[in-house]
């Protein structure tokens, strides 16, 4: 490569450095800590002084009485997330794409994007204040009308649906940005030609709009499967209480309690590594299937 090339490209390479350093420092260097999962780690002995125990912590994980409960709860919440939450941004994008009044579209987008900037602490706190069994505003209103109070925060039957509805409310509008960007690249003449050929709105949606989103949907779905064992610790932990713990205890909350509260760092690292391996496996399988189906895939 000539000196002229390096002179022109040098600023671009400099711009890459911060992102590269971020991944090296916060993503690759911490991977050294995976070794803790295979040893009986002690903070006083350190990584190099702690005894090696091999797969003992993984055997303990699979033998734990709570393992199947954790797996069931995690997969159930993820199934609800994939079935109901994943399509929500797509639906929002399709609906917004049909709006022709620019000012109305911008207003709706702003309203839908806003919840993404609200902390889970605030969202869960508002829910608790509204539905608290003894003094919640909505329960007080129901009681004044001689209706039964809703045990929304303590009844295990409601936990999964509360978690799901809050997820959709916070993230559906923001998640629609990617799909709206994909729709913005569609040539308007395609719609005009289809309309002239007699295609109604549903036909245009099926044959033009959805195919334009197919690539983005496939890629995001593959990436979503990579988080099949992840739910977002903060949200689940804030909704969790002793009354609903049988359905709300997932791997992330379990890792927090075992690792930080009990100081069992090796076992909690083994649980985290198990989650990561499952996620990686799901990504590889989904990507391979997407390739065989003729899609681009992630890599």
C-alpha atoms as a PDB file:
ATOM      1  CA  UNK A   1       0.000   0.000   0.000  1.00  0.00           C
ATOM      2  CA  UNK A   2       1.272   3.449  -0.882  1.00  0.00           C
ATOM      3  CA  UNK A   3       2.017   6.255   1.528  1.00  0.00           C
ATOM      4  CA  UNK A   4      -0.873   8.170  -0.020  1.00  0.00           C
ATOM      5  CA  UNK A   5      -3.280   5.449   0.988  1.00  0.00           C
ATOM      6  CA  UNK A   6      -2.106   5.468   4.601  1.00  0.00           C
ATOM      7  CA  UNK A   7      -2.267   9.255   4.714  1.00  0.00           C
ATOM      8  CA  UNK A   8      -5.913   9.167   3.594  1.00  0.00           C
ATOM      9  CA  UNK A   9      -6.916   6.130   5.675  1.00  0.00           C
ATOM     10  CA  UNK A  10      -5.095   7.021   8.908  1.00  0.00           C
ATOM     11  CA  UNK A  11      -7.972   9.122  10.373  1.00  0.00           C
ATOM     12  CA  UNK A  12     -10.373   6.233   9.752  1.00  0.00           C
ATOM     13  CA  UNK A  13      -8.111   3.770  11.539  1.00  0.00           C
ATOM     14  CA  UNK A  14      -7.790   6.199  14.447  1.00  0.00           C
ATOM     15  CA  UNK A  15     -11.591   6.275  14.709  1.00  0.00           C
ATOM     16  CA  UNK A  16     -11.588   2.467  15.001  1.00  0.00           C
ATOM     17  CA  UNK A  17      -9.220   2.490  17.996  1.00  0.00           C
ATOM     18  CA  UNK A  18     -11.747   3.460  20.764  1.00  0.00           C
ATOM     19  CA  UNK A  19     -14.201   0.741  19.719  1.00  0.00           C
ATOM     20  CA  UNK A  20     -11.399  -1.782  19.366  1.00  0.00           C
ATOM     21  CA  UNK A  21     -10.048  -0.940  22.826  1.00  0.00           C
ATOM     22  CA  UNK A  22     -13.550  -1.229  24.292  1.00  0.00           C
ATOM     23  CA  UNK A  23     -13.965  -4.780  23.005  1.00  0.00           C
ATOM     24  CA  UNK A  24     -10.452  -5.795  24.033  1.00  0.00           C
ATOM     25  CA  UNK A  25     -10.712  -4.407  27.576  1.00  0.00           C
ATOM     26  CA  UNK A  26     -14.349  -5.202  28.379  1.00  0.00           C
ATOM     27  CA  UNK A  27     -15.063  -8.262  26.203  1.00  0.00           C
ATOM     28  CA  UNK A  28     -11.906 -10.252  25.492  1.00  0.00           C
ATOM     29  CA  UNK A  29      -9.745  -9.668  28.591  1.00  0.00           C
ATOM     30  CA  UNK A  30     -12.574 -10.677  31.003  1.00  0.00           C
ATOM     31  CA  UNK A  31     -12.847 -14.004  29.141  1.00  0.00           C
ATOM     32  CA  UNK A  32      -9.765 -15.029  31.094  1.00  0.00           C
ATOM     33  CA  UNK A  33     -12.108 -15.244  34.084  1.00  0.00           C
ATOM     34  CA  UNK A  34     -13.832 -18.270  32.524  1.00  0.00           C
ATOM     35  CA  UNK A  35     -11.063 -20.338  34.117  1.00  0.00           C
ATOM     36  CA  UNK A  36     -12.674 -19.665  37.499  1.00  0.00           C
ATOM     37  CA  UNK A  37     -15.505 -22.040  36.515  1.00  0.00           C
ATOM     38  CA  UNK A  38     -13.032 -24.938  36.481  1.00  0.00           C
ATOM     39  CA  UNK A  39     -11.379 -24.285  39.842  1.00  0.00           C
ATOM     40  CA  UNK A  40     -12.295 -23.871  43.480  1.00  0.00           C
ATOM     41  CA  UNK A  41     -11.611 -20.160  43.376  1.00  0.00           C
ATOM     42  CA  UNK A  42     -10.623 -18.235  46.473  1.00  0.00           C
ATOM     43  CA  UNK A  43     -10.128 -14.443  46.386  1.00  0.00           C
ATOM     44  CA  UNK A  44      -7.230 -14.853  48.815  1.00  0.00           C
ATOM     45  CA  UNK A  45      -5.386 -17.398  46.644  1.00  0.00           C
ATOM     46  CA  UNK A  46      -6.214 -15.784  43.319  1.00  0.00           C
ATOM     47  CA  UNK A  47      -6.666 -17.422  39.930  1.00  0.00           C
ATOM     48  CA  UNK A  48      -3.177 -18.960  39.867  1.00  0.00           C
ATOM     49  CA  UNK A  49      -3.283 -20.217  43.435  1.00  0.00           C
ATOM     50  CA  UNK A  50      -6.767 -21.741  43.535  1.00  0.00           C
ATOM     51  CA  UNK A  51      -7.013 -25.546  43.079  1.00  0.00           C
ATOM     52  CA  UNK A  52      -8.269 -26.931  39.745  1.00  0.00           C
ATOM     53  CA  UNK A  53     -11.462 -29.033  40.018  1.00  0.00           C
ATOM     54  CA  UNK A  54     -12.364 -29.588  36.362  1.00  0.00           C
ATOM     55  CA  UNK A  55     -16.072 -30.065  35.641  1.00  0.00           C
ATOM     56  CA  UNK A  56     -17.116 -30.408  39.275  1.00  0.00           C
ATOM     57  CA  UNK A  57     -19.168 -27.209  39.318  1.00  0.00           C
ATOM     58  CA  UNK A  58     -21.000 -28.168  36.122  1.00  0.00           C
ATOM     59  CA  UNK A  59     -21.852 -31.549  37.609  1.00  0.00           C
ATOM     60  CA  UNK A  60     -23.153 -29.744  40.658  1.00  0.00           C
ATOM     61  CA  UNK A  61     -25.256 -27.452  38.475  1.00  0.00           C
ATOM     62  CA  UNK A  62     -26.970 -30.309  36.658  1.00  0.00           C
ATOM     63  CA  UNK A  63     -27.472 -32.176  39.930  1.00  0.00           C
ATOM     64  CA  UNK A  64     -28.996 -29.140  41.663  1.00  0.00           C
ATOM     65  CA  UNK A  65     -32.652 -29.578  42.556  1.00  0.00           C
ATOM     66  CA  UNK A  66     -33.343 -26.048  41.344  1.00  0.00           C
ATOM     67  CA  UNK A  67     -31.711 -26.526  37.911  1.00  0.00           C
ATOM     68  CA  UNK A  68     -34.867 -27.687  36.153  1.00  0.00           C
ATOM     69  CA  UNK A  69     -36.882 -24.930  37.809  1.00  0.00           C
ATOM     70  CA  UNK A  70     -34.381 -22.336  36.583  1.00  0.00           C
ATOM     71  CA  UNK A  71     -34.382 -23.847  33.087  1.00  0.00           C
ATOM     72  CA  UNK A  72     -38.181 -24.005  32.933  1.00  0.00           C
ATOM     73  CA  UNK A  73     -38.664 -20.432  34.122  1.00  0.00           C
ATOM     74  CA  UNK A  74     -35.962 -19.052  31.815  1.00  0.00           C
ATOM     75  CA  UNK A  75     -37.240 -20.865  28.720  1.00  0.00           C
ATOM     76  CA  UNK A  76     -40.871 -20.037  29.472  1.00  0.00           C
ATOM     77  CA  UNK A  77     -40.164 -16.312  29.727  1.00  0.00           C
ATOM     78  CA  UNK A  78     -38.023 -16.452  26.592  1.00  0.00           C
ATOM     79  CA  UNK A  79     -40.779 -18.297  24.725  1.00  0.00           C
ATOM     80  CA  UNK A  80     -43.268 -15.597  25.670  1.00  0.00           C
ATOM     81  CA  UNK A  81     -40.725 -12.988  24.629  1.00  0.00           C
ATOM     82  CA  UNK A  82     -40.178 -14.564  21.203  1.00  0.00           C
ATOM     83  CA  UNK A  83     -43.871 -15.222  20.509  1.00  0.00           C
ATOM     84  CA  UNK A  84     -45.265 -11.878  21.694  1.00  0.00           C
ATOM     85  CA  UNK A  85     -42.479  -9.323  22.098  1.00  0.00           C
ATOM     86  CA  UNK A  86     -40.342 -10.097  19.046  1.00  0.00           C
ATOM     87  CA  UNK A  87     -43.198  -9.466  16.546  1.00  0.00           C
ATOM     88  CA  UNK A  88     -44.320  -6.287  18.369  1.00  0.00           C
ATOM     89  CA  UNK A  89     -41.697  -3.923  16.826  1.00  0.00           C
ATOM     90  CA  UNK A  90     -42.449  -5.391  13.391  1.00  0.00           C
ATOM     91  CA  UNK A  91     -46.149  -4.702  13.854  1.00  0.00           C
ATOM     92  CA  UNK A  92     -45.437  -1.160  15.071  1.00  0.00           C
ATOM     93  CA  UNK A  93     -43.215  -0.499  12.051  1.00  0.00           C
ATOM     94  CA  UNK A  94     -45.844  -1.832   9.643  1.00  0.00           C
ATOM     95  CA  UNK A  95     -48.547   0.325  11.205  1.00  0.00           C
ATOM     96  CA  UNK A  96     -46.384   3.454  11.215  1.00  0.00           C
ATOM     97  CA  UNK A  97     -45.407   2.800   7.612  1.00  0.00           C
ATOM     98  CA  UNK A  98     -49.064   3.073   6.614  1.00  0.00           C
ATOM     99  CA  UNK A  99     -49.509   6.495   8.257  1.00  0.00           C
ATOM    100  CA  UNK A 100     -49.499   9.264   5.670  1.00  0.00           C
ATOM    101  CA  UNK A 101     -49.852  12.331   7.919  1.00  0.00           C
ATOM    102  CA  UNK A 102     -46.234  13.291   8.717  1.00  0.00           C
ATOM    103  CA  UNK A 103     -47.017  15.236  11.922  1.00  0.00           C
ATOM    104  CA  UNK A 104     -49.171  12.423  13.289  1.00  0.00           C
ATOM    105  CA  UNK A 105     -46.530   9.827  12.455  1.00  0.00           C
ATOM    106  CA  UNK A 106     -43.787  11.826  14.209  1.00  0.00           C
ATOM    107  CA  UNK A 107     -45.994  12.307  17.272  1.00  0.00           C
ATOM    108  CA  UNK A 108     -46.826   8.605  17.540  1.00  0.00           C
ATOM    109  CA  UNK A 109     -43.163   7.673  17.075  1.00  0.00           C
ATOM    110  CA  UNK A 110     -42.104  10.030  19.873  1.00  0.00           C
ATOM    111  CA  UNK A 111     -44.732   8.615  22.225  1.00  0.00           C
ATOM    112  CA  UNK A 112     -43.696   5.039  21.422  1.00  0.00           C
ATOM    113  CA  UNK A 113     -39.954   5.740  21.737  1.00  0.00           C
ATOM    114  CA  UNK A 114     -40.210   7.537  25.087  1.00  0.00           C
ATOM    115  CA  UNK A 115     -40.634   4.448  27.354  1.00  0.00           C
ATOM    116  CA  UNK A 116     -37.244   3.127  26.203  1.00  0.00           C
ATOM    117  CA  UNK A 117     -35.569   5.920  28.186  1.00  0.00           C
ATOM    118  CA  UNK A 118     -37.382   5.078  31.427  1.00  0.00           C
ATOM    119  CA  UNK A 119     -35.447   2.927  33.900  1.00  0.00           C
ATOM    120  CA  UNK A 120     -36.825  -0.454  34.959  1.00  0.00           C
ATOM    121  CA  UNK A 121     -36.647   0.814  38.527  1.00  0.00           C
ATOM    122  CA  UNK A 122     -39.132   3.555  37.655  1.00  0.00           C
ATOM    123  CA  UNK A 123     -41.396   1.259  35.611  1.00  0.00           C
ATOM    124  CA  UNK A 124     -41.585  -1.421  38.285  1.00  0.00           C
ATOM    125  CA  UNK A 125     -41.931   1.209  41.013  1.00  0.00           C
ATOM    126  CA  UNK A 126     -44.951   2.745  39.256  1.00  0.00           C
ATOM    127  CA  UNK A 127     -46.498  -0.704  38.817  1.00  0.00           C
ATOM    128  CA  UNK A 128     -46.029  -1.473  42.501  1.00  0.00           C
ATOM    129  CA  UNK A 129     -47.586   1.839  43.504  1.00  0.00           C
ATOM    130  CA  UNK A 130     -50.589   1.193  41.277  1.00  0.00           C
ATOM    131  CA  UNK A 131     -51.166  -2.477  42.136  1.00  0.00           C
ATOM    132  CA  UNK A 132     -49.845  -2.860  45.695  1.00  0.00           C
ATOM    133  CA  UNK A 133     -52.186  -5.186  47.560  1.00  0.00           C
ATOM    134  CA  UNK A 134     -52.839  -2.939  50.522  1.00  0.00           C
ATOM    135  CA  UNK A 135     -52.523   0.619  49.248  1.00  0.00           C
ATOM    136  CA  UNK A 136     -52.206   0.470  45.461  1.00  0.00           C
ATOM    137  CA  UNK A 137     -54.189   3.174  43.677  1.00  0.00           C
ATOM    138  CA  UNK A 138     -55.930   0.787  41.281  1.00  0.00           C
ATOM    139  CA  UNK A 139     -56.697  -1.738  44.012  1.00  0.00           C
ATOM    140  CA  UNK A 140     -58.102   1.026  46.182  1.00  0.00           C
ATOM    141  CA  UNK A 141     -60.301   2.095  43.273  1.00  0.00           C
ATOM    142  CA  UNK A 142     -61.479  -1.477  42.685  1.00  0.00           C
ATOM    143  CA  UNK A 143     -62.239  -1.890  46.376  1.00  0.00           C
ATOM    144  CA  UNK A 144     -64.284   1.333  46.383  1.00  0.00           C
ATOM    145  CA  UNK A 145     -66.358  -0.124  43.541  1.00  0.00           C
ATOM    146  CA  UNK A 146     -66.824  -3.401  45.460  1.00  0.00           C
ATOM    147  CA  UNK A 147     -64.566  -5.399  43.142  1.00  0.00           C
ATOM    148  CA  UNK A 148     -61.929  -7.876  44.304  1.00  0.00           C
ATOM    149  CA  UNK A 149     -58.381  -6.579  44.602  1.00  0.00           C
ATOM    150  CA  UNK A 150     -55.867  -7.780  41.995  1.00  0.00           C
ATOM    151  CA  UNK A 151     -52.817  -9.440  43.538  1.00  0.00           C
ATOM    152  CA  UNK A 152     -50.735  -8.447  40.512  1.00  0.00           C
ATOM    153  CA  UNK A 153     -47.349  -8.248  42.230  1.00  0.00           C
ATOM    154  CA  UNK A 154     -47.660 -11.239  44.561  1.00  0.00           C
ATOM    155  CA  UNK A 155     -49.745 -13.823  42.673  1.00  0.00           C
ATOM    156  CA  UNK A 156     -47.353 -16.116  40.695  1.00  0.00           C
ATOM    157  CA  UNK A 157     -49.960 -16.454  37.928  1.00  0.00           C
ATOM    158  CA  UNK A 158     -49.498 -12.824  36.926  1.00  0.00           C
ATOM    159  CA  UNK A 159     -45.707 -12.545  37.064  1.00  0.00           C
ATOM    160  CA  UNK A 160     -44.912 -13.683  33.502  1.00  0.00           C
ATOM    161  CA  UNK A 161     -47.601 -11.526  31.935  1.00  0.00           C
ATOM    162  CA  UNK A 162     -46.608  -8.446  33.906  1.00  0.00           C
ATOM    163  CA  UNK A 163     -42.997  -8.970  32.818  1.00  0.00           C
ATOM    164  CA  UNK A 164     -44.060  -9.430  29.188  1.00  0.00           C
ATOM    165  CA  UNK A 165     -46.397  -6.428  29.029  1.00  0.00           C
ATOM    166  CA  UNK A 166     -43.753  -4.167  30.549  1.00  0.00           C
ATOM    167  CA  UNK A 167     -41.186  -5.451  28.039  1.00  0.00           C
ATOM    168  CA  UNK A 168     -43.477  -4.707  25.113  1.00  0.00           C
ATOM    169  CA  UNK A 169     -44.440  -1.287  26.450  1.00  0.00           C
ATOM    170  CA  UNK A 170     -40.826  -0.247  26.963  1.00  0.00           C
ATOM    171  CA  UNK A 171     -39.155  -1.749  23.906  1.00  0.00           C
ATOM    172  CA  UNK A 172     -41.602  -2.173  21.026  1.00  0.00           C
ATOM    173  CA  UNK A 173     -41.424   1.420  19.804  1.00  0.00           C
ATOM    174  CA  UNK A 174     -37.650   1.618  20.009  1.00  0.00           C
ATOM    175  CA  UNK A 175     -37.201  -1.767  18.357  1.00  0.00           C
ATOM    176  CA  UNK A 176     -39.307  -0.601  15.418  1.00  0.00           C
ATOM    177  CA  UNK A 177     -36.551   1.841  14.349  1.00  0.00           C
ATOM    178  CA  UNK A 178     -34.588  -0.904  12.579  1.00  0.00           C
ATOM    179  CA  UNK A 179     -37.618  -2.077  10.634  1.00  0.00           C
ATOM    180  CA  UNK A 180     -38.644   1.457   9.731  1.00  0.00           C
ATOM    181  CA  UNK A 181     -35.133   2.028   8.378  1.00  0.00           C
ATOM    182  CA  UNK A 182     -35.471  -1.116   6.246  1.00  0.00           C
ATOM    183  CA  UNK A 183     -38.835   0.069   4.934  1.00  0.00           C
ATOM    184  CA  UNK A 184     -37.398   3.483   4.068  1.00  0.00           C
ATOM    185  CA  UNK A 185     -35.191   1.792   1.461  1.00  0.00           C
ATOM    186  CA  UNK A 186     -38.167   0.336  -0.443  1.00  0.00           C
ATOM    187  CA  UNK A 187     -38.693   1.984  -3.828  1.00  0.00           C
ATOM    188  CA  UNK A 188     -42.108   3.767  -3.747  1.00  0.00           C
ATOM    189  CA  UNK A 189     -42.607   2.921  -7.406  1.00  0.00           C
ATOM    190  CA  UNK A 190     -43.058  -0.720  -6.394  1.00  0.00           C
ATOM    191  CA  UNK A 191     -46.196   0.222  -4.452  1.00  0.00           C
ATOM    192  CA  UNK A 192     -47.414   2.386  -7.297  1.00  0.00           C
ATOM    193  CA  UNK A 193     -46.922  -0.385  -9.860  1.00  0.00           C
ATOM    194  CA  UNK A 194     -48.632  -2.940  -7.600  1.00  0.00           C
ATOM    195  CA  UNK A 195     -51.573  -0.579  -7.057  1.00  0.00           C
ATOM    196  CA  UNK A 196     -51.928  -0.051 -10.809  1.00  0.00           C
ATOM    197  CA  UNK A 197     -51.971  -3.847 -11.250  1.00  0.00           C
ATOM    198  CA  UNK A 198     -54.918  -4.034  -8.848  1.00  0.00           C
ATOM    199  CA  UNK A 199     -53.131  -5.133  -5.665  1.00  0.00           C
ATOM    200  CA  UNK A 200     -54.982  -4.021  -2.550  1.00  0.00           C
ATOM    201  CA  UNK A 201     -53.235  -2.883   0.657  1.00  0.00           C
ATOM    202  CA  UNK A 202     -52.935  -6.395   2.060  1.00  0.00           C
ATOM    203  CA  UNK A 203     -51.405  -7.693  -1.164  1.00  0.00           C
ATOM    204  CA  UNK A 204     -48.875  -4.843  -1.202  1.00  0.00           C
ATOM    205  CA  UNK A 205     -48.051  -5.597   2.416  1.00  0.00           C
ATOM    206  CA  UNK A 206     -47.541  -9.300   1.729  1.00  0.00           C
ATOM    207  CA  UNK A 207     -45.593  -9.062  -1.527  1.00  0.00           C
ATOM    208  CA  UNK A 208     -43.579  -5.839  -1.052  1.00  0.00           C
ATOM    209  CA  UNK A 209     -43.381  -4.693   2.567  1.00  0.00           C
ATOM    210  CA  UNK A 210     -42.767  -8.015   4.337  1.00  0.00           C
ATOM    211  CA  UNK A 211     -40.139  -9.229   1.827  1.00  0.00           C
ATOM    212  CA  UNK A 212     -38.294  -5.943   2.412  1.00  0.00           C
ATOM    213  CA  UNK A 213     -38.194  -6.740   6.142  1.00  0.00           C
ATOM    214  CA  UNK A 214     -37.316 -10.417   5.787  1.00  0.00           C
ATOM    215  CA  UNK A 215     -33.534  -9.958   5.965  1.00  0.00           C
ATOM    216  CA  UNK A 216     -33.700  -7.776   9.078  1.00  0.00           C
ATOM    217  CA  UNK A 217     -36.190 -10.139  10.723  1.00  0.00           C
ATOM    218  CA  UNK A 218     -33.967 -13.182  10.118  1.00  0.00           C
ATOM    219  CA  UNK A 219     -30.814 -11.511  11.435  1.00  0.00           C
ATOM    220  CA  UNK A 220     -32.516 -10.112  14.541  1.00  0.00           C
ATOM    221  CA  UNK A 221     -34.195 -13.444  15.221  1.00  0.00           C
ATOM    222  CA  UNK A 222     -30.843 -15.252  15.041  1.00  0.00           C
ATOM    223  CA  UNK A 223     -29.309 -12.721  17.433  1.00  0.00           C
ATOM    224  CA  UNK A 224     -32.331 -13.050  19.718  1.00  0.00           C
ATOM    225  CA  UNK A 225     -31.812 -16.802  19.936  1.00  0.00           C
ATOM    226  CA  UNK A 226     -28.294 -16.065  21.153  1.00  0.00           C
ATOM    227  CA  UNK A 227     -29.906 -14.594  24.268  1.00  0.00           C
ATOM    228  CA  UNK A 228     -32.229 -17.558  24.820  1.00  0.00           C
ATOM    229  CA  UNK A 229     -30.870 -17.915  28.371  1.00  0.00           C
ATOM    230  CA  UNK A 230     -30.771 -14.169  29.085  1.00  0.00           C
ATOM    231  CA  UNK A 231     -33.737 -12.101  30.217  1.00  0.00           C
ATOM    232  CA  UNK A 232     -32.252  -8.950  31.682  1.00  0.00           C
ATOM    233  CA  UNK A 233     -31.374  -9.294  35.350  1.00  0.00           C
ATOM    234  CA  UNK A 234     -32.643  -5.938  36.536  1.00  0.00           C
ATOM    235  CA  UNK A 235     -36.228  -6.282  35.306  1.00  0.00           C
ATOM    236  CA  UNK A 236     -36.766  -9.807  36.647  1.00  0.00           C
ATOM    237  CA  UNK A 237     -35.033  -9.064  39.941  1.00  0.00           C
ATOM    238  CA  UNK A 238     -37.141  -5.970  40.594  1.00  0.00           C
ATOM    239  CA  UNK A 239     -40.373  -7.878  39.959  1.00  0.00           C
ATOM    240  CA  UNK A 240     -39.274 -10.830  42.071  1.00  0.00           C
ATOM    241  CA  UNK A 241     -40.502 -11.355  45.620  1.00  0.00           C
ATOM    242  CA  UNK A 242     -40.878 -14.375  47.946  1.00  0.00           C
ATOM    243  CA  UNK A 243     -44.475 -14.904  46.784  1.00  0.00           C
ATOM    244  CA  UNK A 244     -43.654 -15.374  43.083  1.00  0.00           C
ATOM    245  CA  UNK A 245     -40.137 -16.793  43.357  1.00  0.00           C
ATOM    246  CA  UNK A 246     -41.192 -20.236  42.089  1.00  0.00           C
ATOM    247  CA  UNK A 247     -41.903 -18.753  38.635  1.00  0.00           C
ATOM    248  CA  UNK A 248     -39.505 -15.791  38.683  1.00  0.00           C
ATOM    249  CA  UNK A 249     -36.226 -17.412  39.689  1.00  0.00           C
ATOM    250  CA  UNK A 250     -34.081 -17.560  36.528  1.00  0.00           C
ATOM    251  CA  UNK A 251     -30.396 -18.183  35.862  1.00  0.00           C
ATOM    252  CA  UNK A 252     -29.459 -14.502  36.102  1.00  0.00           C
ATOM    253  CA  UNK A 253     -31.042 -13.955  39.513  1.00  0.00           C
ATOM    254  CA  UNK A 254     -29.636 -17.287  40.677  1.00  0.00           C
ATOM    255  CA  UNK A 255     -26.124 -16.233  39.621  1.00  0.00           C
ATOM    256  CA  UNK A 256     -26.498 -12.972  41.548  1.00  0.00           C
ATOM    257  CA  UNK A 257     -27.612 -14.718  44.732  1.00  0.00           C
ATOM    258  CA  UNK A 258     -25.043 -17.514  44.582  1.00  0.00           C
ATOM    259  CA  UNK A 259     -22.130 -15.434  43.316  1.00  0.00           C
ATOM    260  CA  UNK A 260     -22.457 -12.094  45.081  1.00  0.00           C
ATOM    261  CA  UNK A 261     -24.623 -12.884  48.106  1.00  0.00           C
ATOM    262  CA  UNK A 262     -23.063 -16.256  48.962  1.00  0.00           C
ATOM    263  CA  UNK A 263     -19.598 -15.645  47.515  1.00  0.00           C
ATOM    264  CA  UNK A 264     -19.575 -18.893  45.507  1.00  0.00           C
ATOM    265  CA  UNK A 265     -17.722 -17.364  42.564  1.00  0.00           C
ATOM    266  CA  UNK A 266     -16.684 -20.585  40.837  1.00  0.00           C
ATOM    267  CA  UNK A 267     -20.161 -22.081  40.778  1.00  0.00           C
ATOM    268  CA  UNK A 268     -21.805 -18.854  39.601  1.00  0.00           C
ATOM    269  CA  UNK A 269     -19.167 -18.543  36.841  1.00  0.00           C
ATOM    270  CA  UNK A 270     -19.951 -22.105  35.756  1.00  0.00           C
ATOM    271  CA  UNK A 271     -23.658 -21.233  35.529  1.00  0.00           C
ATOM    272  CA  UNK A 272     -22.849 -18.150  33.478  1.00  0.00           C
ATOM    273  CA  UNK A 273     -20.600 -20.169  31.156  1.00  0.00           C
ATOM    274  CA  UNK A 274     -23.372 -22.722  30.681  1.00  0.00           C
ATOM    275  CA  UNK A 275     -25.726 -19.926  29.621  1.00  0.00           C
ATOM    276  CA  UNK A 276     -23.169 -18.563  27.159  1.00  0.00           C
ATOM    277  CA  UNK A 277     -22.513 -21.966  25.569  1.00  0.00           C
ATOM    278  CA  UNK A 278     -26.240 -22.556  25.065  1.00  0.00           C
ATOM    279  CA  UNK A 279     -26.615 -19.096  23.496  1.00  0.00           C
ATOM    280  CA  UNK A 280     -23.653 -19.649  21.158  1.00  0.00           C
ATOM    281  CA  UNK A 281     -25.016 -23.047  20.125  1.00  0.00           C
ATOM    282  CA  UNK A 282     -28.412 -21.547  19.313  1.00  0.00           C
ATOM    283  CA  UNK A 283     -26.830 -18.810  17.186  1.00  0.00           C
ATOM    284  CA  UNK A 284     -24.747 -21.305  15.209  1.00  0.00           C
ATOM    285  CA  UNK A 285     -27.719 -23.600  14.603  1.00  0.00           C
ATOM    286  CA  UNK A 286     -30.077 -20.772  13.650  1.00  0.00           C
ATOM    287  CA  UNK A 287     -27.494 -19.216  11.349  1.00  0.00           C
ATOM    288  CA  UNK A 288     -26.870 -22.564   9.624  1.00  0.00           C
ATOM    289  CA  UNK A 289     -30.604 -23.098   9.113  1.00  0.00           C
ATOM    290  CA  UNK A 290     -30.991 -19.571   7.742  1.00  0.00           C
ATOM    291  CA  UNK A 291     -28.158 -20.197   5.275  1.00  0.00           C
ATOM    292  CA  UNK A 292     -29.764 -23.431   4.114  1.00  0.00           C
ATOM    293  CA  UNK A 293     -33.051 -21.578   3.625  1.00  0.00           C
ATOM    294  CA  UNK A 294     -31.308 -19.123   1.308  1.00  0.00           C
ATOM    295  CA  UNK A 295     -31.047 -16.188   3.724  1.00  0.00           C
ATOM    296  CA  UNK A 296     -27.918 -14.152   4.403  1.00  0.00           C
ATOM    297  CA  UNK A 297     -27.543 -15.053   8.063  1.00  0.00           C
ATOM    298  CA  UNK A 298     -25.295 -13.244  10.518  1.00  0.00           C
ATOM    299  CA  UNK A 299     -21.972 -14.611   9.207  1.00  0.00           C
END
